[in-house]
PDB file of N, CA and C in Angstrom:
ATOM      1  N   MET A   1      37.786  46.926   5.808  1.00  0.00           N
ATOM      2  CA  MET A   1      36.776  45.899   5.936  1.00  0.00           C
ATOM      3  C   MET A   1      37.355  44.761   6.771  1.00  0.00           C
ATOM      4  N   SER A   2      36.638  44.362   7.807  1.00  0.00           N
ATOM      5  CA  SER A   2      37.120  43.273   8.654  1.00  0.00           C
ATOM      6  C   SER A   2      36.713  41.927   8.070  1.00  0.00           C
ATOM      7  N   GLN A   3      37.485  40.920   8.406  1.00  0.00           N
ATOM      8  CA  GLN A   3      37.204  39.566   7.945  1.00  0.00           C
ATOM      9  C   GLN A   3      36.798  38.711   9.123  1.00  0.00           C
ATOM     10  N   ILE A   4      35.975  37.718   8.844  1.00  0.00           N
ATOM     11  CA  ILE A   4      35.562  36.772   9.865  1.00  0.00           C
ATOM     12  C   ILE A   4      36.285  35.465   9.604  1.00  0.00           C
ATOM     13  N   ILE A   5      36.944  34.954  10.609  1.00  0.00           N
ATOM     14  CA  ILE A   5      37.630  33.673  10.482  1.00  0.00           C
ATOM     15  C   ILE A   5      36.782  32.632  11.181  1.00  0.00           C
ATOM     16  N   SER A   6      36.508  31.547  10.469  1.00  0.00           N
ATOM     17  CA  SER A   6      35.695  30.478  11.026  1.00  0.00           C
ATOM     18  C   SER A   6      36.555  29.256  11.286  1.00  0.00           C
ATOM     19  N   LEU A   7      36.306  28.604  12.383  1.00  0.00           N
ATOM     20  CA  LEU A   7      36.997  27.356  12.693  1.00  0.00           C
ATOM     21  C   LEU A   7      36.153  26.150  12.314  1.00  0.00           C
ATOM     22  N   ASN A   8      34.961  26.379  11.784  1.00  0.00           N
ATOM     23  CA  ASN A   8      34.089  25.284  11.384  1.00  0.00           C
ATOM     24  C   ASN A   8      34.455  24.795   9.997  1.00  0.00           C
ATOM     25  N   SER A   9      34.551  23.496   9.836  1.00  0.00           N
ATOM     26  CA  SER A   9      34.944  22.940   8.552  1.00  0.00           C
ATOM     27  C   SER A   9      33.833  23.001   7.516  1.00  0.00           C
ATOM     28  N   HIS A  10      32.616  23.278   7.922  1.00  0.00           N
ATOM     29  CA  HIS A  10      31.495  23.286   6.985  1.00  0.00           C
ATOM     30  C   HIS A  10      31.137  24.675   6.479  1.00  0.00           C
ATOM     31  N   ASP A  11      31.870  25.700   6.857  1.00  0.00           N
ATOM     32  CA  ASP A  11      31.525  27.075   6.489  1.00  0.00           C
ATOM     33  C   ASP A  11      31.991  27.515   5.105  1.00  0.00           C
ATOM     34  N   TYR A  12      32.917  26.817   4.506  1.00  0.00           N
ATOM     35  CA  TYR A  12      33.525  27.333   3.289  1.00  0.00           C
ATOM     36  C   TYR A  12      32.972  26.738   2.003  1.00  0.00           C
ATOM     37  N   LEU A  13      32.076  25.799   2.063  1.00  0.00           N
ATOM     38  CA  LEU A  13      31.496  25.209   0.857  1.00  0.00           C
ATOM     39  C   LEU A  13      29.997  25.483   0.814  1.00  0.00           C
ATOM     40  N   PRO A  14      29.422  25.587  -0.388  1.00  0.00           N
ATOM     41  CA  PRO A  14      27.970  25.747  -0.460  1.00  0.00           C
ATOM     42  C   PRO A  14      27.293  24.431  -0.078  1.00  0.00           C
ATOM     43  N   MET A  15      26.650  24.412   1.073  1.00  0.00           N
ATOM     44  CA  MET A  15      25.982  23.205   1.543  1.00  0.00           C
ATOM     45  C   MET A  15      24.818  23.583   2.426  1.00  0.00           C
ATOM     46  N   GLN A  16      23.975  22.609   2.652  1.00  0.00           N
ATOM     47  CA  GLN A  16      22.792  22.806   3.477  1.00  0.00           C
ATOM     48  C   GLN A  16      22.883  21.872   4.677  1.00  0.00           C
ATOM     49  N   ILE A  17      22.758  22.432   5.882  1.00  0.00           N
ATOM     50  CA  ILE A  17      22.738  21.610   7.087  1.00  0.00           C
ATOM     51  C   ILE A  17      21.357  20.973   7.185  1.00  0.00           C
ATOM     52  N   VAL A  18      21.334  19.650   7.414  1.00  0.00           N
ATOM     53  CA  VAL A  18      20.076  18.919   7.472  1.00  0.00           C
ATOM     54  C   VAL A  18      20.002  18.085   8.747  1.00  0.00           C
ATOM     55  N   PRO A  19      18.781  17.885   9.277  1.00  0.00           N
ATOM     56  CA  PRO A  19      18.631  16.987  10.421  1.00  0.00           C
ATOM     57  C   PRO A  19      18.681  15.532   9.949  1.00  0.00           C
ATOM     58  N   VAL A  20      19.343  14.688  10.720  1.00  0.00           N
ATOM     59  CA  VAL A  20      19.478  13.270  10.374  1.00  0.00           C
ATOM     60  C   VAL A  20      19.229  12.435  11.618  1.00  0.00           C
ATOM     61  N   ILE A  21      18.491  11.360  11.449  1.00  0.00           N
ATOM     62  CA  ILE A  21      18.384  10.324  12.466  1.00  0.00           C
ATOM     63  C   ILE A  21      19.349   9.238  12.030  1.00  0.00           C
ATOM     64  N   ALA A  22      20.287   8.900  12.918  1.00  0.00           N
ATOM     65  CA  ALA A  22      21.328   7.945  12.555  1.00  0.00           C
ATOM     66  C   ALA A  22      21.515   6.913  13.656  1.00  0.00           C
ATOM     67  N   SER A  23      22.142   5.824  13.273  1.00  0.00           N
ATOM     68  CA  SER A  23      22.484   4.759  14.210  1.00  0.00           C
ATOM     69  C   SER A  23      23.997   4.761  14.399  1.00  0.00           C
ATOM     70  N   PHE A  24      24.427   4.672  15.661  1.00  0.00           N
ATOM     71  CA  PHE A  24      25.849   4.596  15.997  1.00  0.00           C
ATOM     72  C   PHE A  24      26.047   3.300  16.780  1.00  0.00           C
ATOM     73  N   ASN A  25      26.922   2.401  16.293  1.00  0.00           N
ATOM     74  CA  ASN A  25      27.110   1.149  17.027  1.00  0.00           C
ATOM     75  C   ASN A  25      28.301   1.236  17.975  1.00  0.00           C
ATOM     76  N   ASP A  26      28.559   0.149  18.709  1.00  0.00           N
ATOM     77  CA  ASP A  26      29.640   0.116  19.702  1.00  0.00           C
ATOM     78  C   ASP A  26      31.022   0.292  19.087  1.00  0.00           C
ATOM     79  N   ASP A  27      31.163  -0.047  17.801  1.00  0.00           N
ATOM     80  CA  ASP A  27      32.453   0.077  17.120  1.00  0.00           C
ATOM     81  C   ASP A  27      32.675   1.471  16.544  1.00  0.00           C
ATOM     82  N   GLY A  28      31.700   2.368  16.732  1.00  0.00           N
ATOM     83  CA  GLY A  28      31.835   3.725  16.219  1.00  0.00           C
ATOM     84  C   GLY A  28      31.366   3.893  14.791  1.00  0.00           C
ATOM     85  N   GLN A  29      30.781   2.863  14.201  1.00  0.00           N
ATOM     86  CA  GLN A  29      30.269   2.973  12.842  1.00  0.00           C
ATOM     87  C   GLN A  29      28.945   3.734  12.852  1.00  0.00           C
ATOM     88  N   ILE A  30      28.764   4.559  11.825  1.00  0.00           N
ATOM     89  CA  ILE A  30      27.598   5.427  11.715  1.00  0.00           C
ATOM     90  C   ILE A  30      26.761   4.970  10.521  1.00  0.00           C
ATOM     91  N   ARG A  31      25.445   4.990  10.697  1.00  0.00           N
ATOM     92  CA  ARG A  31      24.551   4.650   9.590  1.00  0.00           C
ATOM     93  C   ARG A  31      23.358   5.606   9.602  1.00  0.00           C
ATOM     94  N   PRO A  32      23.233   6.468   8.579  1.00  0.00           N
ATOM     95  CA  PRO A  32      22.070   7.365   8.524  1.00  0.00           C
ATOM     96  C   PRO A  32      20.795   6.571   8.236  1.00  0.00           C
ATOM     97  N   LEU A  33      19.710   6.916   8.930  1.00  0.00           N
ATOM     98  CA  LEU A  33      18.444   6.212   8.764  1.00  0.00           C
ATOM     99  C   LEU A  33      17.371   7.081   8.103  1.00  0.00           C
ATOM    100  N   TYR A  34      17.283   8.362   8.506  1.00  0.00           N
ATOM    101  CA  TYR A  34      16.327   9.311   7.946  1.00  0.00           C
ATOM    102  C   TYR A  34      17.005  10.668   7.778  1.00  0.00           C
ATOM    103  N   VAL A  35      16.596  11.408   6.739  1.00  0.00           N
ATOM    104  CA  VAL A  35      17.134  12.743   6.472  1.00  0.00           C
ATOM    105  C   VAL A  35      15.967  13.702   6.297  1.00  0.00           C
ATOM    106  N   GLY A  36      16.067  14.869   6.903  1.00  0.00           N
ATOM    107  CA  GLY A  36      15.056  15.900   6.715  1.00  0.00           C
ATOM    108  C   GLY A  36      15.512  16.887   5.661  1.00  0.00           C
ATOM    109  N   ILE A  37      14.759  16.981   4.570  1.00  0.00           N
ATOM    110  CA  ILE A  37      15.088  17.912   3.483  1.00  0.00           C
ATOM    111  C   ILE A  37      13.826  18.691   3.129  1.00  0.00           C
ATOM    112  N   ASP A  38      13.919  20.018   3.180  1.00  0.00           N
ATOM    113  CA  ASP A  38      12.798  20.912   2.868  1.00  0.00           C
ATOM    114  C   ASP A  38      11.556  20.549   3.676  1.00  0.00           C
ATOM    115  N   GLY A  39      11.741  20.249   4.958  1.00  0.00           N
ATOM    116  CA  GLY A  39      10.625  19.949   5.843  1.00  0.00           C
ATOM    117  C   GLY A  39      10.038  18.557   5.700  1.00  0.00           C
ATOM    118  N   GLU A  40      10.613  17.738   4.864  1.00  0.00           N
ATOM    119  CA  GLU A  40      10.109  16.376   4.642  1.00  0.00           C
ATOM    120  C   GLU A  40      11.107  15.361   5.193  1.00  0.00           C
ATOM    121  N   ARG A  41      10.629  14.367   5.922  1.00  0.00           N
ATOM    122  CA  ARG A  41      11.502  13.316   6.447  1.00  0.00           C
ATOM    123  C   ARG A  41      11.540  12.173   5.438  1.00  0.00           C
ATOM    124  N   LEU A  42      12.761  11.869   4.957  1.00  0.00           N
ATOM    125  CA  LEU A  42      12.950  10.846   3.925  1.00  0.00           C
ATOM    126  C   LEU A  42      13.739   9.674   4.489  1.00  0.00           C
ATOM    127  N   LYS A  43      13.300   8.462   4.170  1.00  0.00           N
ATOM    128  CA  LYS A  43      13.973   7.255   4.637  1.00  0.00           C
ATOM    129  C   LYS A  43      15.212   6.987   3.789  1.00  0.00           C
ATOM    130  N   VAL A  44      16.317   6.647   4.454  1.00  0.00           N
ATOM    131  CA  VAL A  44      17.536   6.248   3.751  1.00  0.00           C
ATOM    132  C   VAL A  44      17.405   4.758   3.441  1.00  0.00           C
ATOM    133  N   SER A  45      17.218   4.434   2.170  1.00  0.00           N
ATOM    134  CA  SER A  45      17.035   3.037   1.756  1.00  0.00           C
ATOM    135  C   SER A  45      18.344   2.269   1.783  1.00  0.00           C
ATOM    136  N   SER A  46      19.422   2.944   1.396  1.00  0.00           N
ATOM    137  CA  SER A  46      20.742   2.320   1.434  1.00  0.00           C
ATOM    138  C   SER A  46      21.797   3.407   1.585  1.00  0.00           C
ATOM    139  N   SER A  47      22.910   3.021   2.184  1.00  0.00           N
ATOM    140  CA  SER A  47      24.019   3.967   2.329  1.00  0.00           C
ATOM    141  C   SER A  47      25.322   3.195   2.376  1.00  0.00           C
ATOM    142  N   ARG A  48      26.347   3.850   1.891  1.00  0.00           N
ATOM    143  CA  ARG A  48      27.691   3.285   2.004  1.00  0.00           C
ATOM    144  C   ARG A  48      28.656   4.443   2.214  1.00  0.00           C
ATOM    145  N   VAL A  49      29.706   4.161   2.966  1.00  0.00           N
ATOM    146  CA  VAL A  49      30.720   5.188   3.196  1.00  0.00           C
ATOM    147  C   VAL A  49      31.488   5.397   1.901  1.00  0.00           C
ATOM    148  N   ARG A  50      31.498   6.621   1.438  1.00  0.00           N
ATOM    149  CA  ARG A  50      32.235   6.973   0.225  1.00  0.00           C
ATOM    150  C   ARG A  50      33.697   7.242   0.560  1.00  0.00           C
ATOM    151  N   ARG A  51      33.916   8.037   1.631  1.00  0.00           N
ATOM    152  CA  ARG A  51      35.282   8.298   2.100  1.00  0.00           C
ATOM    153  C   ARG A  51      35.245   8.965   3.463  1.00  0.00           C
ATOM    154  N   CYS A  52      36.336   8.814   4.181  1.00  0.00           N
ATOM    155  CA  CYS A  52      36.536   9.449   5.481  1.00  0.00           C
ATOM    156  C   CYS A  52      37.793  10.299   5.378  1.00  0.00           C
ATOM    157  N   PHE A  53      37.721  11.546   5.828  1.00  0.00           N
ATOM    158  CA  PHE A  53      38.890  12.417   5.764  1.00  0.00           C
ATOM    159  C   PHE A  53      38.685  13.620   6.672  1.00  0.00           C
ATOM    160  N   ALA A  54      39.724  14.081   7.303  1.00  0.00           N
ATOM    161  CA  ALA A  54      39.760  15.337   8.082  1.00  0.00           C
ATOM    162  C   ALA A  54      38.526  15.547   8.957  1.00  0.00           C
ATOM    163  N   GLY A  55      38.141  14.530   9.714  1.00  0.00           N
ATOM    164  CA  GLY A  55      37.003  14.669  10.607  1.00  0.00           C
ATOM    165  C   GLY A  55      35.653  14.650   9.924  1.00  0.00           C
ATOM    166  N   GLN A  56      35.601  14.153   8.693  1.00  0.00           N
ATOM    167  CA  GLN A  56      34.355  14.077   7.937  1.00  0.00           C
ATOM    168  C   GLN A  56      34.155  12.655   7.439  1.00  0.00           C
ATOM    169  N   VAL A  57      32.893  12.258   7.362  1.00  0.00           N
ATOM    170  CA  VAL A  57      32.544  10.974   6.761  1.00  0.00           C
ATOM    171  C   VAL A  57      31.504  11.265   5.694  1.00  0.00           C
ATOM    172  N   GLU A  58      31.797  10.886   4.452  1.00  0.00           N
ATOM    173  CA  GLU A  58      30.854  11.073   3.351  1.00  0.00           C
ATOM    174  C   GLU A  58      30.134   9.767   3.074  1.00  0.00           C
ATOM    175  N   PHE A  59      28.817   9.867   2.940  1.00  0.00           N
ATOM    176  CA  PHE A  59      27.984   8.714   2.637  1.00  0.00           C
ATOM    177  C   PHE A  59      27.316   8.924   1.291  1.00  0.00           C
ATOM    178  N   TYR A  60      27.342   7.879   0.468  1.00  0.00           N
ATOM    179  CA  TYR A  60      26.539   7.885  -0.745  1.00  0.00           C
ATOM    180  C   TYR A  60      25.247   7.172  -0.378  1.00  0.00           C
ATOM    181  N   CYS A  61      24.114   7.883  -0.427  1.00  0.00           N
ATOM    182  CA  CYS A  61      22.839   7.340   0.032  1.00  0.00           C
ATOM    183  C   CYS A  61      21.810   7.338  -1.092  1.00  0.00           C
ATOM    184  N   LYS A  62      20.831   6.463  -0.923  1.00  0.00           N
ATOM    185  CA  LYS A  62      19.636   6.473  -1.764  1.00  0.00           C
ATOM    186  C   LYS A  62      18.460   6.696  -0.829  1.00  0.00           C
ATOM    187  N   LEU A  63      17.689   7.759  -1.131  1.00  0.00           N
ATOM    188  CA  LEU A  63      16.549   8.139  -0.319  1.00  0.00           C
ATOM    189  C   LEU A  63      15.260   7.704  -1.002  1.00  0.00           C
ATOM    190  N   THR A  64      14.308   7.236  -0.204  1.00  0.00           N
ATOM    191  CA  THR A  64      13.003   6.873  -0.735  1.00  0.00           C
ATOM    192  C   THR A  64      12.148   8.131  -0.810  1.00  0.00           C
ATOM    193  N   VAL A  65      11.775   8.509  -2.036  1.00  0.00           N
ATOM    194  CA  VAL A  65      10.917   9.670  -2.280  1.00  0.00           C
ATOM    195  C   VAL A  65       9.728   9.153  -3.081  1.00  0.00           C
ATOM    196  N   GLY A  66       8.609   8.949  -2.399  1.00  0.00           N
ATOM    197  CA  GLY A  66       7.449   8.342  -3.065  1.00  0.00           C
ATOM    198  C   GLY A  66       7.792   6.917  -3.471  1.00  0.00           C
ATOM    199  N   ASP A  67       7.689   6.645  -4.763  1.00  0.00           N
ATOM    200  CA  ASP A  67       7.992   5.312  -5.297  1.00  0.00           C
ATOM    201  C   ASP A  67       9.368   5.240  -5.941  1.00  0.00           C
ATOM    202  N   THR A  68      10.173   6.276  -5.774  1.00  0.00           N
ATOM    203  CA  THR A  68      11.482   6.298  -6.430  1.00  0.00           C
ATOM    204  C   THR A  68      12.612   6.400  -5.407  1.00  0.00           C
ATOM    205  N   LEU A  69      13.809   6.057  -5.856  1.00  0.00           N
ATOM    206  CA  LEU A  69      15.017   6.212  -5.055  1.00  0.00           C
ATOM    207  C   LEU A  69      15.826   7.360  -5.627  1.00  0.00           C
ATOM    208  N   LYS A  70      16.193   8.298  -4.780  1.00  0.00           N
ATOM    209  CA  LYS A  70      16.972   9.464  -5.207  1.00  0.00           C
ATOM    210  C   LYS A  70      18.348   9.412  -4.550  1.00  0.00           C
ATOM    211  N   PRO A  71      19.421   9.587  -5.337  1.00  0.00           N
ATOM    212  CA  PRO A  71      20.765   9.593  -4.744  1.00  0.00           C
ATOM    213  C   PRO A  71      21.063  10.926  -4.063  1.00  0.00           C
ATOM    214  N   VAL A  72      21.834  10.863  -2.987  1.00  0.00           N
ATOM    215  CA  VAL A  72      22.264  12.084  -2.299  1.00  0.00           C
ATOM    216  C   VAL A  72      23.602  11.816  -1.621  1.00  0.00           C
ATOM    217  N   LEU A  73      24.449  12.821  -1.611  1.00  0.00           N
ATOM    218  CA  LEU A  73      25.715  12.753  -0.894  1.00  0.00           C
ATOM    219  C   LEU A  73      25.497  13.423   0.454  1.00  0.00           C
ATOM    220  N   LEU A  74      25.676  12.660   1.523  1.00  0.00           N
ATOM    221  CA  LEU A  74      25.443  13.124   2.882  1.00  0.00           C
ATOM    222  C   LEU A  74      26.774  13.130   3.610  1.00  0.00           C
ATOM    223  N   THR A  75      27.124  14.245   4.245  1.00  0.00           N
ATOM    224  CA  THR A  75      28.399  14.362   4.948  1.00  0.00           C
ATOM    225  C   THR A  75      28.149  14.602   6.426  1.00  0.00           C
ATOM    226  N   TYR A  76      28.864  13.837   7.261  1.00  0.00           N
ATOM    227  CA  TYR A  76      28.799  14.012   8.710  1.00  0.00           C
ATOM    228  C   TYR A  76      30.113  14.619   9.178  1.00  0.00           C
ATOM    229  N   TYR A  77      30.039  15.726   9.914  1.00  0.00           N
ATOM    230  CA  TYR A  77      31.210  16.409  10.458  1.00  0.00           C
ATOM    231  C   TYR A  77      31.367  15.991  11.911  1.00  0.00           C
ATOM    232  N   LEU A  78      32.383  15.193  12.179  1.00  0.00           N
ATOM    233  CA  LEU A  78      32.580  14.597  13.496  1.00  0.00           C
ATOM    234  C   LEU A  78      32.766  15.636  14.599  1.00  0.00           C
ATOM    235  N   ASN A  79      33.559  16.662  14.368  1.00  0.00           N
ATOM    236  CA  ASN A  79      33.852  17.657  15.398  1.00  0.00           C
ATOM    237  C   ASN A  79      32.657  18.536  15.734  1.00  0.00           C
ATOM    238  N   GLU A  80      31.839  18.851  14.743  1.00  0.00           N
ATOM    239  CA  GLU A  80      30.694  19.729  14.956  1.00  0.00           C
ATOM    240  C   GLU A  80      29.396  18.964  15.180  1.00  0.00           C
ATOM    241  N   CYS A  81      29.395  17.655  14.907  1.00  0.00           N
ATOM    242  CA  CYS A  81      28.193  16.809  15.042  1.00  0.00           C
ATOM    243  C   CYS A  81      27.045  17.331  14.188  1.00  0.00           C
ATOM    244  N   ILE A  82      27.341  17.680  12.924  1.00  0.00           N
ATOM    245  CA  ILE A  82      26.298  18.132  12.007  1.00  0.00           C
ATOM    246  C   ILE A  82      26.350  17.314  10.732  1.00  0.00           C
ATOM    247  N   TRP A  83      25.226  17.294  10.037  1.00  0.00           N
ATOM    248  CA  TRP A  83      25.088  16.611   8.749  1.00  0.00           C
ATOM    249  C   TRP A  83      24.790  17.654   7.681  1.00  0.00           C
ATOM    250  N   THR A  84      25.337  17.447   6.475  1.00  0.00           N
ATOM    251  CA  THR A  84      25.066  18.369   5.372  1.00  0.00           C
ATOM    252  C   THR A  84      24.826  17.606   4.081  1.00  0.00           C
ATOM    253  N   ILE A  85      24.148  18.289   3.164  1.00  0.00           N
ATOM    254  CA  ILE A  85      24.020  17.842   1.778  1.00  0.00           C
ATOM    255  C   ILE A  85      24.544  18.973   0.911  1.00  0.00           C
ATOM    256  N   PRO A  86      24.976  18.679  -0.324  1.00  0.00           N
ATOM    257  CA  PRO A  86      25.440  19.768  -1.192  1.00  0.00           C
ATOM    258  C   PRO A  86      24.332  20.789  -1.409  1.00  0.00           C
ATOM    259  N   GLY A  87      24.688  22.056  -1.398  1.00  0.00           N
ATOM    260  CA  GLY A  87      23.741  23.133  -1.607  1.00  0.00           C
ATOM    261  C   GLY A  87      24.095  23.941  -2.822  1.00  0.00           C
ATOM    262  N   THR A  88      23.249  24.869  -3.146  1.00  0.00           N
ATOM    263  CA  THR A  88      23.513  25.712  -4.323  1.00  0.00           C
ATOM    264  C   THR A  88      23.859  27.136  -3.925  1.00  0.00           C
ATOM    265  N   ASP A  89      23.496  27.530  -2.720  1.00  0.00           N
ATOM    266  CA  ASP A  89      23.754  28.904  -2.283  1.00  0.00           C
ATOM    267  C   ASP A  89      25.103  29.001  -1.598  1.00  0.00           C
ATOM    268  N   SER A  90      25.712  30.142  -1.712  1.00  0.00           N
ATOM    269  CA  SER A  90      26.959  30.405  -1.009  1.00  0.00           C
ATOM    270  C   SER A  90      26.664  30.724   0.438  1.00  0.00           C
ATOM    271  N   PRO A  91      27.580  30.385   1.352  1.00  0.00           N
ATOM    272  CA  PRO A  91      27.345  30.723   2.750  1.00  0.00           C
ATOM    273  C   PRO A  91      27.389  32.222   2.961  1.00  0.00           C
ATOM    274  N   PRO A  92      26.735  32.724   4.029  1.00  0.00           N
ATOM    275  CA  PRO A  92      26.716  34.182   4.262  1.00  0.00           C
ATOM    276  C   PRO A  92      28.095  34.734   4.559  1.00  0.00           C
TER     277      PRO A  92
END
């Protein structure tokens, strides 16, 4: 049985790649503004950097869903330019 080796840092954890509209300023700071989850565009009401490590930036965010705020952990992968949220399924 052959094995597949991946160089992507997001391939080994159960996560979901999501579209994000974000703001990038002149100092290189990133701020997520909207997140697409299950076909719905949700506004990021607040966000703060939780930690930066190994080409990743984790944000603790609160999303506006109707009249409530829902917490979500959003990760940006600098090398791949993708955003993810924790998922429940294992990668293929």
